Protein backbone atom coordinates (compact mmCIF):
# COMPACT_ATOMS: atom_id res chain seq x y z
CA UNK A 1 16.76 4.44 21.48
CA UNK A 2 16.01 0.70 21.46
CA UNK A 3 15.93 -1.69 24.40
CA UNK A 4 19.72 -2.03 24.37
CA UNK A 5 20.29 1.70 24.34
CA UNK A 6 21.65 1.80 20.80
CA UNK A 7 20.52 4.45 18.33
CA UNK A 8 18.69 2.88 15.40
CA UNK A 9 19.27 4.07 11.86
CA UNK A 10 15.64 3.36 11.08
CA UNK A 11 13.39 5.99 12.62
CA UNK A 12 10.18 4.95 10.90
CA UNK A 13 8.52 2.00 9.22
CA UNK A 14 5.74 2.49 6.69
CA UNK A 15 3.50 -0.50 6.07
CA UNK A 16 1.13 -1.36 3.29
CA UNK A 17 -2.13 -2.72 4.74
CA UNK A 18 -3.85 -5.51 2.77
CA UNK A 19 -1.50 -8.45 2.35
CA UNK A 20 1.07 -6.90 4.66
CA UNK A 21 -0.33 -6.13 8.12
CA UNK A 22 -3.47 -8.14 7.41
CA UNK A 23 -4.12 -11.22 5.30
CA UNK A 24 -5.03 -10.36 1.72
CA UNK A 25 -8.81 -10.78 1.33
CA UNK A 26 -9.55 -8.04 -1.21
CA UNK A 27 -11.11 -9.54 -4.34
CA UNK A 28 -9.04 -7.28 -6.51
CA UNK A 29 -9.41 -9.20 -9.80
CA UNK A 30 -13.20 -9.19 -9.50
CA UNK A 31 -13.03 -5.47 -8.76
CA UNK A 32 -10.88 -4.84 -11.83
CA UNK A 33 -13.30 -6.77 -14.06
CA UNK A 34 -16.16 -4.59 -12.84
CA UNK A 35 -14.05 -1.47 -13.35
CA UNK A 36 -13.13 -2.42 -16.92
CA UNK A 37 -16.78 -3.22 -17.69
CA UNK A 38 -17.89 0.13 -16.26
CA UNK A 39 -15.27 2.10 -18.20
CA UNK A 40 -16.40 0.39 -21.41
CA UNK A 41 -19.96 1.51 -20.69
CA UNK A 42 -18.72 5.09 -20.26
CA UNK A 43 -16.66 4.96 -23.47
CA UNK A 44 -13.29 5.11 -21.70
CA UNK A 45 -11.90 1.76 -22.84
CA UNK A 46 -8.78 2.11 -25.05
CA UNK A 47 -8.99 -1.62 -25.80
CA UNK A 48 -6.02 -2.75 -23.74
CA UNK A 49 -7.27 -2.61 -20.15
CA UNK A 50 -6.28 -5.72 -18.22
CA UNK A 51 -6.68 -7.19 -14.76
CA UNK A 52 -2.87 -7.46 -14.80
CA UNK A 53 -2.70 -3.65 -14.72
CA UNK A 54 -2.51 -1.79 -11.43
CA UNK A 55 -5.55 0.31 -10.58
CA UNK A 56 -3.49 3.43 -11.21
CA UNK A 57 -2.43 2.12 -14.63
CA UNK A 58 -6.06 1.38 -15.55
CA UNK A 59 -6.99 4.96 -14.64
CA UNK A 60 -4.12 6.41 -16.70
CA UNK A 61 -4.77 4.16 -19.72
CA UNK A 62 -8.45 5.09 -19.76
CA UNK A 63 -7.65 8.79 -19.39
CA UNK A 64 -5.00 8.76 -22.11
CA UNK A 65 -7.14 7.03 -24.76
CA UNK A 66 -7.13 8.84 -28.08
CA UNK A 67 -4.70 11.35 -26.62
CA UNK A 68 -7.28 12.75 -24.20
CA UNK A 69 -5.48 13.75 -21.00
CA UNK A 70 -7.79 16.45 -19.66
CA UNK A 71 -8.34 16.78 -15.92
CA UNK A 72 -12.10 16.37 -16.23
CA UNK A 73 -11.81 12.93 -17.85
CA UNK A 74 -9.22 11.87 -15.27
CA UNK A 75 -11.44 12.86 -12.35
CA UNK A 76 -14.52 11.17 -13.83
CA UNK A 77 -12.61 7.94 -14.42
CA UNK A 78 -10.93 8.03 -11.01
CA UNK A 79 -14.28 8.61 -9.31
CA UNK A 80 -15.90 5.64 -11.08
CA UNK A 81 -12.94 3.37 -10.38
CA UNK A 82 -12.73 4.24 -6.69
CA UNK A 83 -16.50 3.93 -6.26
CA UNK A 84 -16.25 0.30 -7.34
CA UNK A 85 -13.08 -0.35 -5.32
CA UNK A 86 -14.71 1.01 -2.17
CA UNK A 87 -17.40 -1.70 -2.21
CA UNK A 88 -14.77 -4.44 -2.35
CA UNK A 89 -12.59 -2.73 0.26
CA UNK A 90 -15.44 -2.56 2.76
CA UNK A 91 -16.25 -6.20 2.06
CA UNK A 92 -12.68 -7.12 3.04
CA UNK A 93 -12.71 -4.75 6.03
CA UNK A 94 -15.75 -6.39 7.63
CA UNK A 95 -13.76 -9.44 8.75
CA UNK A 96 -10.02 -8.69 8.51
CA UNK A 97 -7.41 -11.15 9.77
CA UNK A 98 -4.13 -9.69 11.04
CA UNK A 99 -0.95 -11.52 10.10
CA UNK A 100 -0.03 -13.84 12.94
CA UNK A 101 2.91 -11.72 14.12
CA UNK A 102 1.63 -8.27 13.18
CA UNK A 103 0.63 -7.07 16.65
CA UNK A 104 3.80 -8.48 18.20
CA UNK A 105 5.93 -6.57 15.69
CA UNK A 106 3.96 -3.34 16.10
CA UNK A 107 4.38 -3.61 19.86
CA UNK A 108 8.13 -4.14 19.46
CA UNK A 109 8.46 -1.13 17.16
CA UNK A 110 6.65 0.98 19.73
CA UNK A 111 9.07 -0.14 22.46
CA UNK A 112 11.99 0.73 20.16
CA UNK A 113 10.59 4.25 19.58
CA UNK A 114 10.26 3.56 15.86
CA UNK A 115 7.40 5.51 14.31
CA UNK A 116 4.82 3.61 12.27
CA UNK A 117 2.68 4.70 9.35
CA UNK A 118 0.27 2.87 7.06
CA UNK A 119 0.22 3.84 3.37
CA UNK A 120 -2.49 2.09 1.41
CA UNK A 121 -4.28 2.38 -1.92
CA UNK A 122 -7.56 1.70 -0.13
CA UNK A 123 -10.02 4.36 1.01
CA UNK A 124 -9.69 5.92 4.47
CA UNK A 125 -12.93 4.58 5.98
CA UNK A 126 -12.21 0.95 5.06
CA UNK A 127 -8.58 1.27 6.15
CA UNK A 128 -9.44 2.71 9.56
CA UNK A 129 -12.12 0.05 10.03
CA UNK A 130 -9.58 -2.68 9.29
CA UNK A 131 -6.98 -1.24 11.67
CA UNK A 132 -9.58 -0.76 14.39
CA UNK A 133 -10.98 -4.29 14.10
CA UNK A 134 -7.44 -5.72 14.25
CA UNK A 135 -6.46 -3.65 17.29
CA UNK A 136 -3.68 -1.88 15.42
CA UNK A 137 -4.72 1.77 15.49
CA UNK A 138 -3.06 2.49 18.82
CA UNK A 139 0.34 1.53 17.35
CA UNK A 140 0.05 3.67 14.21
CA UNK A 141 1.27 7.28 14.13
CA UNK A 142 -0.11 8.15 10.68
CA UNK A 143 -2.51 6.64 8.14
CA UNK A 144 -2.27 7.71 4.50
CA UNK A 145 -4.89 6.51 2.03
CA UNK A 146 -5.86 7.23 -1.55
CA UNK A 147 -8.18 9.94 -0.23
CA UNK A 148 -5.08 11.94 0.71
CA UNK A 149 -3.20 11.92 -2.61
CA UNK A 150 -3.58 12.48 -6.34
CA UNK A 151 -2.05 9.19 -7.49
CA UNK A 152 -1.87 5.79 -5.82
CA UNK A 153 0.87 3.16 -5.92
CA UNK A 154 2.99 2.41 -7.88
CA UNK A 155 3.24 6.23 -7.84
CA UNK A 156 5.05 7.47 -4.72
CA UNK A 157 2.50 10.09 -3.57
CA UNK A 158 1.39 7.98 -0.60
CA UNK A 159 4.95 7.52 0.63
CA UNK A 160 5.82 11.18 0.21
CA UNK A 161 2.77 12.09 2.29
CA UNK A 162 3.70 9.55 4.96
CA UNK A 163 7.26 10.89 5.19
CA UNK A 164 5.90 14.41 5.59
CA UNK A 165 3.54 13.37 8.39
CA UNK A 166 6.24 11.40 10.20
CA UNK A 167 8.91 14.04 9.68
CA UNK A 168 11.49 11.53 8.50
CA UNK A 169 13.73 11.23 5.45
CA UNK A 170 13.76 8.32 2.97
CA UNK A 171 17.16 7.25 4.34
CA UNK A 172 15.69 6.85 7.84
CA UNK A 173 12.63 4.94 6.68
CA UNK A 174 11.74 1.39 5.65
CA UNK A 175 8.68 0.47 3.60
CA UNK A 176 7.07 -2.97 3.84
CA UNK A 177 4.63 -4.24 1.22
CA UNK A 178 3.43 -7.38 -0.53
CA UNK A 179 3.21 -6.15 -4.13
CA UNK A 180 5.47 -5.07 -6.96
CA UNK A 181 3.75 -1.67 -6.77
CA UNK A 182 5.04 -1.26 -3.22
CA UNK A 183 8.61 -1.97 -4.32
CA UNK A 184 8.37 0.44 -7.26
CA UNK A 185 6.98 3.22 -5.07
CA UNK A 186 9.70 2.78 -2.43
CA UNK A 187 12.55 2.62 -4.94
CA UNK A 188 11.36 5.74 -6.77
CA UNK A 189 11.72 7.82 -3.62
CA UNK A 190 14.84 6.18 -2.16
CA UNK A 191 13.18 4.30 0.70
CA UNK A 192 14.54 0.88 1.63
CA UNK A 193 12.03 -1.65 0.33
CA UNK A 194 11.04 -4.82 2.18
CA UNK A 195 8.83 -7.26 0.27
CA UNK A 196 6.80 -9.71 2.33
CA UNK A 197 5.64 -13.03 0.90
CA UNK A 198 2.09 -14.35 1.09
CA UNK A 199 0.28 -11.32 -0.31
CA UNK A 200 -1.07 -10.39 -3.72
CA UNK A 201 2.09 -11.00 -5.76
CA UNK A 202 4.20 -14.15 -6.02
CA UNK A 203 7.79 -14.46 -4.85
CA UNK A 204 9.06 -14.55 -8.44
CA UNK A 205 7.25 -11.30 -9.26
CA UNK A 206 8.68 -9.62 -6.17
CA UNK A 207 12.21 -10.87 -6.87
CA UNK A 208 12.03 -9.45 -10.38
CA UNK A 209 11.57 -5.93 -8.91
CA UNK A 210 14.70 -6.36 -6.75
CA UNK A 211 13.58 -5.15 -3.32
CA UNK A 212 16.27 -4.56 -0.71
CA UNK A 213 14.93 -7.45 1.36
CA UNK A 214 12.40 -10.27 1.03
CA UNK A 215 10.86 -11.67 4.20
CA UNK A 216 8.44 -14.49 4.98
CA UNK A 217 7.13 -13.00 8.23
CA UNK A 218 6.94 -9.55 9.80
CA UNK A 219 9.13 -10.75 12.67
CA UNK A 220 12.09 -10.79 10.27
CA UNK A 221 11.63 -7.03 9.86
CA UNK A 222 12.91 -6.41 13.40
CA UNK A 223 16.33 -7.82 12.50
CA UNK A 224 16.49 -5.64 9.39
CA UNK A 225 15.89 -2.35 11.19
CA UNK A 226 18.40 -3.23 13.90
CA UNK A 227 21.22 -3.66 11.38
């Protein structure tokens, strides 16, 4: 029940982390350049890897080169990619900046008895460090990271895991993220998608993916879940 005693349709909110709950500081393009360079060294470059690709797409492209889709190649590539990503994720986690209204919104959700989860492509250690430094851990019921799933966003593995941990259905859940990958993941599993501006992807890119809502600040989310 919320403060007014009305039953909310939304029982849970799942948040992305970087660019959503905290300001986006991850040097993702630099990370992708290092990843592409490393995959070339290992002979896993199909010739069309791009910094415009998601990390998951880079992994799949490299694995599928020349028709090779074996599990061993996939795991080797994924390990190399995530090893590089981890360095950049910890760099960003050392001095994270929460969005100006993030703690206020998390506090409000707690008072409304709305469960909260974080679903991020980052590694668990860097994610927990970020949440801890920003004082957010106490408001979060579940944290799902790439260490917990086989595929990262735009695949929906992270969201499926979060739903399982929260014990909620897609219809009862809202997902908030700053990237097109977040929108794709939410739509593929039937979760209401809320795109927030000011993160990794531009407004035009987010609009193109047709999220259910686009917001400028996390405070606007409270009105959405009370509808």
